[in-house]
Amino acid sequence: MFSLNRVSLIGYQTQPVELRQTPSGTAVTDLNIVVPTSFTAGSGEQLTGKGFFTVTLWGPMAEVAAQYVRPGAQLYISGRLQTDSWDDQTSGEKRSKTKVVAQDMILLDPKDGQRPAPTGAELGRCLNHVEVVGNVTKDPEMRTTTSGQNVLTIGVASNERWKDRQSGEMKERTEFHNVVVWGALAQDVAKQVKKGGKVFVAGRVQTRSWETQSGAKRTTTEIVADQLSMLGVAHPVAQEAVSARAAMPARERSQEEVPVAVAEAASIPEVQYQSDVKVEDLPF
C-alpha cells in the first residue's frame, strides 16, 4: 500500500433503505447518513452543524442494511471517499459527486431501542473523521477571509489498487481530494508543502453548496484538515537514534533494554479474566 484513503462516520440513517441489483446480480444500496457535529472554526469559535453523506454498500452488507436498517438507526461506517464524475445531459457541464464506499458497517442500536439523548454533549457526539496519505497535486493557495483569517487549499491524490474479480486483472483508481487548512496550520503548510510532496492529512469531511450565476445548484466536498504532516522527510530525532545505535558494539545492541522489559513483565500480576456479560444480553 502506497497511499491511504479512509473515512469513519457515526451517524443516523435518514430514509428507508432501497435495495437494488446490478445486471450481474450483485446487491447494492445507498444510505443517506446525517452526522451531527461540533467543531472549532478558523476564528476559534465553537460551532455546531450537521453533514449529510451518501454511503454505498455492496453485496452482503447491502442485504443486511435492507433487512435491519430503518430511518433513525444509528450506524458506524468505515470506508473510502470516491468521487464520480459525469457530463450533464442538459448543459454539457462536468458534474461530480463524492460519496463513501463502505467497507465496514456496525449497527449501533440495542435490541430494545435507542436510549434517551444524554444531557451533556460530550458522550452524545457522533464521528466524522478522515485520513488520507497521498501526493500534493498543486502548490498551496493561501487566501485571507474578510475577517482576516488565513485559509489555504491544496489538492491531494490517493491511489487504490485492486484485482478485478471477473478478469483477474489489477486495476488502479486515483482519487483527488480538496483539502482546506485554516489559521496557523495554513501558514506552516504554505511555507513548507510543495507540489509532488507526500503528506498525511487528517480532519473531517465537509460538503458545501452554492448557486451559479445561472441559478444552478452546485456542491463540492472537502477535507477540513486539523492535522497535516509532511512524509518522506528526514527527522533529527530519528537520525540521532540511528547514529547512536550504529555506534554501539553489536553485543550492546542485542541486549539493549532487554533487562528492563523482562523486569517489567515479571512484575505484572496474573489476572483472571472472567466476564459477567452473557451472550443473550448482547444487542446484536
C-alpha atoms as a PDB file:
ATOM      1  CA  MET A   1       0.000   0.000   0.000  1.00  0.00           C
ATOM      2  CA  PHE A   2       1.486   3.347  -1.022  1.00  0.00           C
ATOM      3  CA  SER A   3      -1.397   5.672  -0.134  1.00  0.00           C
ATOM      4  CA  LEU A   4      -4.346   5.849   2.249  1.00  0.00           C
ATOM      5  CA  ASN A   5      -7.974   6.902   1.831  1.00  0.00           C
ATOM      6  CA  ARG A   6     -10.029   6.149   4.915  1.00  0.00           C
ATOM      7  CA  VAL A   7     -13.153   7.766   6.373  1.00  0.00           C
ATOM      8  CA  SER A   8     -15.075   6.844   9.531  1.00  0.00           C
ATOM      9  CA  LEU A   9     -18.592   8.033  10.376  1.00  0.00           C
ATOM     10  CA  ILE A  10     -21.034   7.570  13.222  1.00  0.00           C
ATOM     11  CA  GLY A  11     -24.414   8.951  12.208  1.00  0.00           C
ATOM     12  CA  TYR A  12     -28.080   8.242  11.567  1.00  0.00           C
ATOM     13  CA  GLN A  13     -29.897   6.850   8.548  1.00  0.00           C
ATOM     14  CA  THR A  14     -32.482   9.374   7.299  1.00  0.00           C
ATOM     15  CA  GLN A  15     -34.660   7.348   4.892  1.00  0.00           C
ATOM     16  CA  PRO A  16     -35.880   3.809   4.105  1.00  0.00           C
ATOM     17  CA  VAL A  17     -33.257   1.552   2.512  1.00  0.00           C
ATOM     18  CA  GLU A  18     -33.950   0.583  -1.110  1.00  0.00           C
ATOM     19  CA  LEU A  19     -32.077  -2.492  -2.321  1.00  0.00           C
ATOM     20  CA  ARG A  20     -31.077  -2.714  -5.993  1.00  0.00           C
ATOM     21  CA  GLN A  21     -29.488  -5.403  -8.141  1.00  0.00           C
ATOM     22  CA  THR A  22     -26.766  -4.890 -10.726  1.00  0.00           C
ATOM     23  CA  PRO A  23     -27.154  -6.690 -14.095  1.00  0.00           C
ATOM     24  CA  SER A  24     -24.775  -9.356 -12.752  1.00  0.00           C
ATOM     25  CA  GLY A  25     -26.992  -9.910  -9.688  1.00  0.00           C
ATOM     26  CA  THR A  26     -24.924  -8.092  -7.039  1.00  0.00           C
ATOM     27  CA  ALA A  27     -26.914  -6.316  -4.327  1.00  0.00           C
ATOM     28  CA  VAL A  28     -26.237  -2.590  -3.869  1.00  0.00           C
ATOM     29  CA  THR A  29     -27.848   0.223  -1.918  1.00  0.00           C
ATOM     30  CA  ASP A  30     -27.167   3.833  -0.933  1.00  0.00           C
ATOM     31  CA  LEU A  31     -27.606   5.059   2.617  1.00  0.00           C
ATOM     32  CA  ASN A  32     -28.191   8.714   3.435  1.00  0.00           C
ATOM     33  CA  ILE A  33     -26.399   9.392   6.707  1.00  0.00           C
ATOM     34  CA  VAL A  34     -26.670  12.576   8.771  1.00  0.00           C
ATOM     35  CA  VAL A  35     -23.822  13.280  11.192  1.00  0.00           C
ATOM     36  CA  PRO A  36     -24.417  15.939  13.878  1.00  0.00           C
ATOM     37  CA  THR A  37     -21.083  17.611  14.542  1.00  0.00           C
ATOM     38  CA  SER A  38     -19.340  20.302  16.546  1.00  0.00           C
ATOM     39  CA  PHE A  39     -16.032  21.843  15.568  1.00  0.00           C
ATOM     40  CA  THR A  40     -13.780  24.830  16.078  1.00  0.00           C
ATOM     41  CA  ALA A  41     -13.898  27.334  13.215  1.00  0.00           C
ATOM     42  CA  GLY A  42     -10.853  29.107  11.839  1.00  0.00           C
ATOM     43  CA  SER A  43     -11.748  32.074  14.022  1.00  0.00           C
ATOM     44  CA  GLY A  44     -11.614  29.878  17.140  1.00  0.00           C
ATOM     45  CA  GLU A  45     -15.402  29.920  17.573  1.00  0.00           C
ATOM     46  CA  GLN A  46     -17.066  26.642  18.581  1.00  0.00           C
ATOM     47  CA  LEU A  47     -19.756  25.775  16.034  1.00  0.00           C
ATOM     48  CA  THR A  48     -22.338  23.033  15.666  1.00  0.00           C
ATOM     49  CA  GLY A  49     -23.875  21.693  12.486  1.00  0.00           C
ATOM     50  CA  LYS A  50     -24.639  18.562  10.523  1.00  0.00           C
ATOM     51  CA  GLY A  51     -23.297  16.826   7.464  1.00  0.00           C
ATOM     52  CA  PHE A  52     -25.114  14.555   5.005  1.00  0.00           C
ATOM     53  CA  PHE A  53     -23.268  11.662   3.377  1.00  0.00           C
ATOM     54  CA  THR A  54     -24.193   9.221   0.654  1.00  0.00           C
ATOM     55  CA  VAL A  55     -22.819   5.793   1.612  1.00  0.00           C
ATOM     56  CA  THR A  56     -22.787   2.988  -0.968  1.00  0.00           C
ATOM     57  CA  LEU A  57     -22.988  -0.601   0.287  1.00  0.00           C
ATOM     58  CA  TRP A  58     -22.313  -3.659  -1.862  1.00  0.00           C
ATOM     59  CA  GLY A  59     -23.110  -7.375  -1.630  1.00  0.00           C
ATOM     60  CA  PRO A  60     -23.999  -8.965   1.736  1.00  0.00           C
ATOM     61  CA  MET A  61     -23.533  -5.641   3.534  1.00  0.00           C
ATOM     62  CA  ALA A  62     -26.231  -4.085   1.363  1.00  0.00           C
ATOM     63  CA  GLU A  63     -28.550  -7.023   2.071  1.00  0.00           C
ATOM     64  CA  VAL A  64     -28.039  -6.662   5.827  1.00  0.00           C
ATOM     65  CA  ALA A  65     -28.814  -2.945   5.621  1.00  0.00           C
ATOM     66  CA  ALA A  66     -32.003  -3.576   3.664  1.00  0.00           C
ATOM     67  CA  GLN A  67     -33.161  -6.072   6.297  1.00  0.00           C
ATOM     68  CA  TYR A  68     -32.198  -4.302   9.517  1.00  0.00           C
ATOM     69  CA  VAL A  69     -31.546  -0.583   8.954  1.00  0.00           C
ATOM     70  CA  ARG A  70     -34.532   1.717   9.463  1.00  0.00           C
ATOM     71  CA  PRO A  71     -34.846   5.529   9.353  1.00  0.00           C
ATOM     72  CA  GLY A  72     -33.319   6.944  12.540  1.00  0.00           C
ATOM     73  CA  ALA A  73     -30.994   3.971  13.100  1.00  0.00           C
ATOM     74  CA  GLN A  74     -27.505   4.830  14.312  1.00  0.00           C
ATOM     75  CA  LEU A  75     -24.614   3.282  12.378  1.00  0.00           C
ATOM     76  CA  TYR A  76     -20.844   3.152  12.304  1.00  0.00           C
ATOM     77  CA  ILE A  77     -19.466   3.270   8.763  1.00  0.00           C
ATOM     78  CA  SER A  78     -15.865   2.833   7.709  1.00  0.00           C
ATOM     79  CA  GLY A  79     -14.818   3.101   4.078  1.00  0.00           C
ATOM     80  CA  ARG A  80     -13.172   5.295   1.472  1.00  0.00           C
ATOM     81  CA  LEU A  81     -14.042   8.509  -0.320  1.00  0.00           C
ATOM     82  CA  GLN A  82     -14.885   8.143  -4.003  1.00  0.00           C
ATOM     83  CA  THR A  83     -15.778  10.911  -6.438  1.00  0.00           C
ATOM     84  CA  ASP A  84     -17.839  10.015  -9.511  1.00  0.00           C
ATOM     85  CA  SER A  85     -17.843  12.395 -12.490  1.00  0.00           C
ATOM     86  CA  TRP A  86     -20.132  12.695 -15.500  1.00  0.00           C
ATOM     87  CA  ASP A  87     -21.329  15.141 -18.161  1.00  0.00           C
ATOM     88  CA  ASP A  88     -24.647  16.850 -17.515  1.00  0.00           C
ATOM     89  CA  GLN A  89     -27.002  15.785 -20.318  1.00  0.00           C
ATOM     90  CA  THR A  90     -28.744  19.166 -20.342  1.00  0.00           C
ATOM     91  CA  SER A  91     -25.904  21.659 -20.019  1.00  0.00           C
ATOM     92  CA  GLY A  92     -22.951  19.501 -21.037  1.00  0.00           C
ATOM     93  CA  GLU A  93     -21.066  20.703 -17.957  1.00  0.00           C
ATOM     94  CA  LYS A  94     -18.815  18.420 -15.953  1.00  0.00           C
ATOM     95  CA  ARG A  95     -20.547  17.273 -12.760  1.00  0.00           C
ATOM     96  CA  SER A  96     -19.229  15.286  -9.830  1.00  0.00           C
ATOM     97  CA  LYS A  97     -20.387  13.860  -6.533  1.00  0.00           C
ATOM     98  CA  THR A  98     -18.349  12.478  -3.638  1.00  0.00           C
ATOM     99  CA  LYS A  99     -19.645   9.522  -1.646  1.00  0.00           C
ATOM    100  CA  VAL A 100     -18.392   6.980   0.868  1.00  0.00           C
ATOM    101  CA  VAL A 101     -17.916   3.412  -0.355  1.00  0.00           C
ATOM    102  CA  ALA A 102     -18.418   1.346   2.795  1.00  0.00           C
ATOM    103  CA  GLN A 103     -16.009  -1.407   3.786  1.00  0.00           C
ATOM    104  CA  ASP A 104     -17.396  -1.959   7.304  1.00  0.00           C
ATOM    105  CA  MET A 105     -20.780  -1.300   8.890  1.00  0.00           C
ATOM    106  CA  ILE A 106     -21.830  -1.771  12.528  1.00  0.00           C
ATOM    107  CA  LEU A 107     -25.421  -1.425  13.726  1.00  0.00           C
ATOM    108  CA  LEU A 108     -25.246   0.570  16.968  1.00  0.00           C
ATOM    109  CA  ASP A 109     -28.805   0.478  18.320  1.00  0.00           C
ATOM    110  CA  PRO A 110     -29.618  -2.055  21.087  1.00  0.00           C
ATOM    111  CA  LYS A 111     -32.441  -4.550  20.601  1.00  0.00           C
ATOM    112  CA  ASP A 112     -34.829  -2.666  22.875  1.00  0.00           C
ATOM    113  CA  GLY A 113     -34.387   0.660  21.100  1.00  0.00           C
ATOM    114  CA  GLN A 114     -32.263   3.769  21.395  1.00  0.00           C
ATOM    115  CA  ARG A 115     -31.520   5.325  24.773  1.00  0.00           C
ATOM    116  CA  PRO A 116     -32.713   8.875  25.565  1.00  0.00           C
ATOM    117  CA  ALA A 117     -30.399  11.657  24.456  1.00  0.00           C
ATOM    118  CA  PRO A 118     -27.742  12.448  27.120  1.00  0.00           C
ATOM    119  CA  THR A 119     -27.937  15.767  28.916  1.00  0.00           C
ATOM    120  CA  GLY A 120     -24.273  16.538  28.188  1.00  0.00           C
ATOM    121  CA  ALA A 121     -22.912  16.840  24.653  1.00  0.00           C
ATOM    122  CA  GLU A 122     -19.617  15.014  25.251  1.00  0.00           C
ATOM    123  CA  LEU A 123     -20.919  11.432  25.356  1.00  0.00           C
ATOM    124  CA  GLY A 124     -23.510  12.033  22.663  1.00  0.00           C
ATOM    125  CA  ARG A 125     -21.113  13.105  19.933  1.00  0.00           C
ATOM    126  CA  CYS A 126     -21.026  11.407  16.564  1.00  0.00           C
ATOM    127  CA  LEU A 127     -17.972  10.834  14.375  1.00  0.00           C
ATOM    128  CA  ASN A 128     -16.717  12.435  11.174  1.00  0.00           C
ATOM    129  CA  HIS A 129     -13.063  11.612  10.633  1.00  0.00           C
ATOM    130  CA  VAL A 130     -10.994  11.120   7.502  1.00  0.00           C
ATOM    131  CA  GLU A 131      -7.352  10.198   6.935  1.00  0.00           C
ATOM    132  CA  VAL A 132      -5.523  10.474   3.626  1.00  0.00           C
ATOM    133  CA  VAL A 133      -1.945   9.706   2.626  1.00  0.00           C
ATOM    134  CA  GLY A 134      -1.121  10.900  -0.871  1.00  0.00           C
ATOM    135  CA  ASN A 135       0.776  13.280  -3.117  1.00  0.00           C
ATOM    136  CA  VAL A 136       0.162  17.010  -3.348  1.00  0.00           C
ATOM    137  CA  THR A 137      -1.164  17.820  -6.823  1.00  0.00           C
ATOM    138  CA  LYS A 138      -0.587  21.582  -6.778  1.00  0.00           C
ATOM    139  CA  ASP A 139       1.208  24.211  -4.740  1.00  0.00           C
ATOM    140  CA  PRO A 140      -0.802  25.563  -1.784  1.00  0.00           C
ATOM    141  CA  GLU A 141      -3.028  28.581  -2.436  1.00  0.00           C
ATOM    142  CA  MET A 142      -3.334  30.975   0.515  1.00  0.00           C
ATOM    143  CA  ARG A 143      -6.251  33.392   0.874  1.00  0.00           C
ATOM    144  CA  THR A 144      -7.467  35.718   3.599  1.00  0.00           C
ATOM    145  CA  THR A 145     -11.128  35.907   4.584  1.00  0.00           C
ATOM    146  CA  THR A 146     -12.938  39.210   5.121  1.00  0.00           C
ATOM    147  CA  SER A 147     -12.482  38.678   8.871  1.00  0.00           C
ATOM    148  CA  GLY A 148      -8.713  38.357   8.445  1.00  0.00           C
ATOM    149  CA  GLN A 149      -8.423  34.571   8.834  1.00  0.00           C
ATOM    150  CA  ASN A 150      -5.859  32.649   6.806  1.00  0.00           C
ATOM    151  CA  VAL A 151      -7.301  29.779   4.758  1.00  0.00           C
ATOM    152  CA  LEU A 152      -5.327  27.561   2.405  1.00  0.00           C
ATOM    153  CA  THR A 153      -6.368  24.950  -0.155  1.00  0.00           C
ATOM    154  CA  ILE A 154      -4.329  22.127  -1.634  1.00  0.00           C
ATOM    155  CA  GLY A 155      -5.084  19.060  -3.709  1.00  0.00           C
ATOM    156  CA  VAL A 156      -4.010  15.595  -2.560  1.00  0.00           C
ATOM    157  CA  ALA A 157      -4.218  12.465  -4.736  1.00  0.00           C
ATOM    158  CA  SER A 158      -4.509   8.962  -3.280  1.00  0.00           C
ATOM    159  CA  ASN A 159      -4.339   5.719  -5.262  1.00  0.00           C
ATOM    160  CA  GLU A 160      -6.194   2.466  -4.804  1.00  0.00           C
ATOM    161  CA  ARG A 161      -5.248  -0.860  -6.415  1.00  0.00           C
ATOM    162  CA  TRP A 162      -7.396  -3.973  -6.537  1.00  0.00           C
ATOM    163  CA  LYS A 163      -7.835  -7.183  -8.501  1.00  0.00           C
ATOM    164  CA  ASP A 164     -10.890  -7.391 -10.734  1.00  0.00           C
ATOM    165  CA  ARG A 165     -12.993 -10.376  -9.703  1.00  0.00           C
ATOM    166  CA  GLN A 166     -14.070 -11.251 -13.228  1.00  0.00           C
ATOM    167  CA  SER A 167     -10.911 -10.638 -15.277  1.00  0.00           C
ATOM    168  CA  GLY A 168      -8.332 -11.139 -12.537  1.00  0.00           C
ATOM    169  CA  GLU A 169      -6.507  -8.037 -13.778  1.00  0.00           C
ATOM    170  CA  MET A 170      -5.002  -5.460 -11.423  1.00  0.00           C
ATOM    171  CA  LYS A 171      -6.778  -2.111 -11.666  1.00  0.00           C
ATOM    172  CA  GLU A 172      -5.960   1.285 -10.237  1.00  0.00           C
ATOM    173  CA  ARG A 173      -8.058   4.314  -9.380  1.00  0.00           C
ATOM    174  CA  THR A 174      -6.907   7.765  -8.339  1.00  0.00           C
ATOM    175  CA  GLU A 175      -8.975   9.945  -6.011  1.00  0.00           C
ATOM    176  CA  PHE A 176      -8.384  13.697  -5.905  1.00  0.00           C
ATOM    177  CA  HIS A 177      -9.150  15.305  -2.544  1.00  0.00           C
ATOM    178  CA  ASN A 178      -9.689  19.014  -1.950  1.00  0.00           C
ATOM    179  CA  VAL A 179      -8.051  19.898   1.385  1.00  0.00           C
ATOM    180  CA  VAL A 180      -8.805  23.102   3.329  1.00  0.00           C
ATOM    181  CA  VAL A 181      -6.467  24.304   6.097  1.00  0.00           C
ATOM    182  CA  TRP A 182      -7.080  27.209   8.481  1.00  0.00           C
ATOM    183  CA  GLY A 183      -5.117  29.513  10.785  1.00  0.00           C
ATOM    184  CA  ALA A 184      -1.583  28.832  11.975  1.00  0.00           C
ATOM    185  CA  LEU A 185      -1.527  25.402  10.333  1.00  0.00           C
ATOM    186  CA  ALA A 186      -2.302  27.070   6.992  1.00  0.00           C
ATOM    187  CA  GLN A 187       0.729  29.350   7.402  1.00  0.00           C
ATOM    188  CA  ASP A 188       3.015  26.375   8.120  1.00  0.00           C
ATOM    189  CA  VAL A 189       1.700  24.444   5.126  1.00  0.00           C
ATOM    190  CA  ALA A 190       2.175  27.441   2.821  1.00  0.00           C
ATOM    191  CA  LYS A 191       5.845  27.686   3.818  1.00  0.00           C
ATOM    192  CA  GLN A 192       6.784  24.009   3.645  1.00  0.00           C
ATOM    193  CA  VAL A 193       4.490  21.965   1.389  1.00  0.00           C
ATOM    194  CA  LYS A 194       5.072  21.894  -2.361  1.00  0.00           C
ATOM    195  CA  LYS A 195       3.562  20.138  -5.361  1.00  0.00           C
ATOM    196  CA  GLY A 196       4.650  16.494  -5.600  1.00  0.00           C
ATOM    197  CA  GLY A 197       5.359  16.046  -1.891  1.00  0.00           C
ATOM    198  CA  LYS A 198       3.757  13.207   0.062  1.00  0.00           C
ATOM    199  CA  VAL A 199       1.602  14.210   3.034  1.00  0.00           C
ATOM    200  CA  PHE A 200      -0.645  12.768   5.734  1.00  0.00           C
ATOM    201  CA  VAL A 201      -3.921  14.642   6.198  1.00  0.00           C
ATOM    202  CA  ALA A 202      -6.455  14.105   8.988  1.00  0.00           C
ATOM    203  CA  GLY A 203      -9.662  16.031   9.577  1.00  0.00           C
ATOM    204  CA  ARG A 204     -13.371  15.996   8.782  1.00  0.00           C
ATOM    205  CA  VAL A 205     -15.388  15.798   5.563  1.00  0.00           C
ATOM    206  CA  GLN A 206     -17.445  18.827   4.615  1.00  0.00           C
ATOM    207  CA  THR A 207     -19.811  19.422   1.693  1.00  0.00           C
ATOM    208  CA  ARG A 208     -20.636  22.982   0.640  1.00  0.00           C
ATOM    209  CA  SER A 209     -23.415  24.091  -1.713  1.00  0.00           C
ATOM    210  CA  TRP A 210     -23.854  27.238  -3.804  1.00  0.00           C
ATOM    211  CA  GLU A 211     -25.692  28.548  -6.840  1.00  0.00           C
ATOM    212  CA  THR A 212     -24.084  29.501 -10.137  1.00  0.00           C
ATOM    213  CA  GLN A 213     -24.919  32.755 -11.923  1.00  0.00           C
ATOM    214  CA  SER A 214     -27.453  30.807 -13.975  1.00  0.00           C
ATOM    215  CA  GLY A 215     -29.182  29.596 -10.793  1.00  0.00           C
ATOM    216  CA  ALA A 216     -27.960  26.001 -10.958  1.00  0.00           C
ATOM    217  CA  LYS A 217     -27.072  24.335  -7.657  1.00  0.00           C
ATOM    218  CA  ARG A 218     -23.547  23.008  -7.234  1.00  0.00           C
ATOM    219  CA  THR A 219     -21.798  21.176  -4.409  1.00  0.00           C
ATOM    220  CA  THR A 220     -18.206  20.409  -3.532  1.00  0.00           C
ATOM    221  CA  THR A 221     -16.767  18.057  -0.926  1.00  0.00           C
ATOM    222  CA  GLU A 222     -13.635  18.994   1.007  1.00  0.00           C
ATOM    223  CA  ILE A 223     -11.444  17.675   3.788  1.00  0.00           C
ATOM    224  CA  VAL A 224     -11.117  20.316   6.502  1.00  0.00           C
ATOM    225  CA  ALA A 225      -7.732  19.396   7.975  1.00  0.00           C
ATOM    226  CA  ASP A 226      -6.775  19.709  11.631  1.00  0.00           C
ATOM    227  CA  GLN A 227      -3.514  17.810  11.079  1.00  0.00           C
ATOM    228  CA  LEU A 228      -1.131  17.785   8.126  1.00  0.00           C
ATOM    229  CA  SER A 229       2.307  16.167   8.177  1.00  0.00           C
ATOM    230  CA  MET A 230       5.000  16.043   5.508  1.00  0.00           C
ATOM    231  CA  LEU A 231       6.132  12.489   4.745  1.00  0.00           C
ATOM    232  CA  GLY A 232       9.360  11.066   3.379  1.00  0.00           C
ATOM    233  CA  VAL A 233      11.459  13.747   5.070  1.00  0.00           C
ATOM    234  CA  ALA A 234      14.384  13.272   7.444  1.00  0.00           C
ATOM    235  CA  HIS A 235      13.823  13.945  11.153  1.00  0.00           C
ATOM    236  CA  PRO A 236      16.644  14.928  13.571  1.00  0.00           C
ATOM    237  CA  VAL A 237      15.335  12.627  16.338  1.00  0.00           C
ATOM    238  CA  ALA A 238      15.324   9.608  14.041  1.00  0.00           C
ATOM    239  CA  GLN A 239      18.744  10.434  12.614  1.00  0.00           C
ATOM    240  CA  GLU A 240      20.192  10.791  16.112  1.00  0.00           C
ATOM    241  CA  ALA A 241      18.712   7.442  17.181  1.00  0.00           C
ATOM    242  CA  VAL A 242      20.038   5.664  14.088  1.00  0.00           C
ATOM    243  CA  SER A 243      23.518   7.142  14.532  1.00  0.00           C
ATOM    244  CA  ALA A 244      23.641   6.286  18.236  1.00  0.00           C
ATOM    245  CA  ARG A 245      22.548   2.706  17.649  1.00  0.00           C
ATOM    246  CA  ALA A 246      25.017   2.223  14.768  1.00  0.00           C
ATOM    247  CA  ALA A 247      27.843   3.349  17.042  1.00  0.00           C
ATOM    248  CA  MET A 248      27.049   0.686  19.662  1.00  0.00           C
ATOM    249  CA  PRO A 249      29.003  -2.585  19.770  1.00  0.00           C
ATOM    250  CA  ALA A 250      26.946  -5.480  18.383  1.00  0.00           C
ATOM    251  CA  ARG A 251      26.672  -7.107  21.816  1.00  0.00           C
ATOM    252  CA  GLU A 252      25.209  -3.978  23.383  1.00  0.00           C
ATOM    253  CA  ARG A 253      22.676  -3.567  20.560  1.00  0.00           C
ATOM    254  CA  SER A 254      21.385  -7.114  21.064  1.00  0.00           C
ATOM    255  CA  GLN A 255      20.930  -6.576  24.808  1.00  0.00           C
ATOM    256  CA  GLU A 256      19.574  -3.031  24.669  1.00  0.00           C
ATOM    257  CA  GLU A 257      16.583  -2.567  27.023  1.00  0.00           C
ATOM    258  CA  VAL A 258      16.019  -6.327  27.350  1.00  0.00           C
ATOM    259  CA  PRO A 259      16.616  -6.487  31.141  1.00  0.00           C
ATOM    260  CA  VAL A 260      14.150  -3.633  31.724  1.00  0.00           C
ATOM    261  CA  ALA A 261      11.453  -5.266  29.591  1.00  0.00           C
ATOM    262  CA  VAL A 262      11.937  -8.606  31.349  1.00  0.00           C
ATOM    263  CA  ALA A 263      11.753  -6.968  34.776  1.00  0.00           C
ATOM    264  CA  GLU A 264       8.562  -5.104  33.887  1.00  0.00           C
ATOM    265  CA  ALA A 265       6.922  -8.240  32.519  1.00  0.00           C
ATOM    266  CA  ALA A 266       7.851 -10.201  35.621  1.00  0.00           C
ATOM    267  CA  SER A 267       6.275  -7.575  37.895  1.00  0.00           C
ATOM    268  CA  ILE A 268       2.856  -7.736  36.217  1.00  0.00           C
ATOM    269  CA  PRO A 269       0.495  -9.874  38.339  1.00  0.00           C
ATOM    270  CA  GLU A 270      -1.517 -12.600  36.668  1.00  0.00           C
ATOM    271  CA  VAL A 271      -5.102 -11.558  36.062  1.00  0.00           C
ATOM    272  CA  GLN A 272      -8.021 -13.958  35.739  1.00  0.00           C
ATOM    273  CA  TYR A 273     -10.378 -12.525  33.133  1.00  0.00           C
ATOM    274  CA  GLN A 274     -13.960 -13.526  33.827  1.00  0.00           C
ATOM    275  CA  SER A 275     -16.738 -11.614  32.150  1.00  0.00           C
ATOM    276  CA  ASP A 276     -20.191 -11.025  33.617  1.00  0.00           C
ATOM    277  CA  VAL A 277     -21.599 -10.347  30.141  1.00  0.00           C
ATOM    278  CA  LYS A 278     -23.909 -13.050  28.805  1.00  0.00           C
ATOM    279  CA  VAL A 279     -24.220 -13.715  25.099  1.00  0.00           C
ATOM    280  CA  GLU A 280     -28.005 -13.362  25.218  1.00  0.00           C
ATOM    281  CA  ASP A 281     -27.624  -9.813  26.639  1.00  0.00           C
ATOM    282  CA  LEU A 282     -25.645  -8.526  23.655  1.00  0.00           C
ATOM    283  CA  PRO A 283     -27.595  -6.059  21.465  1.00  0.00           C
ATOM    284  CA  PHE A 284     -26.629  -7.749  18.181  1.00  0.00           C
END
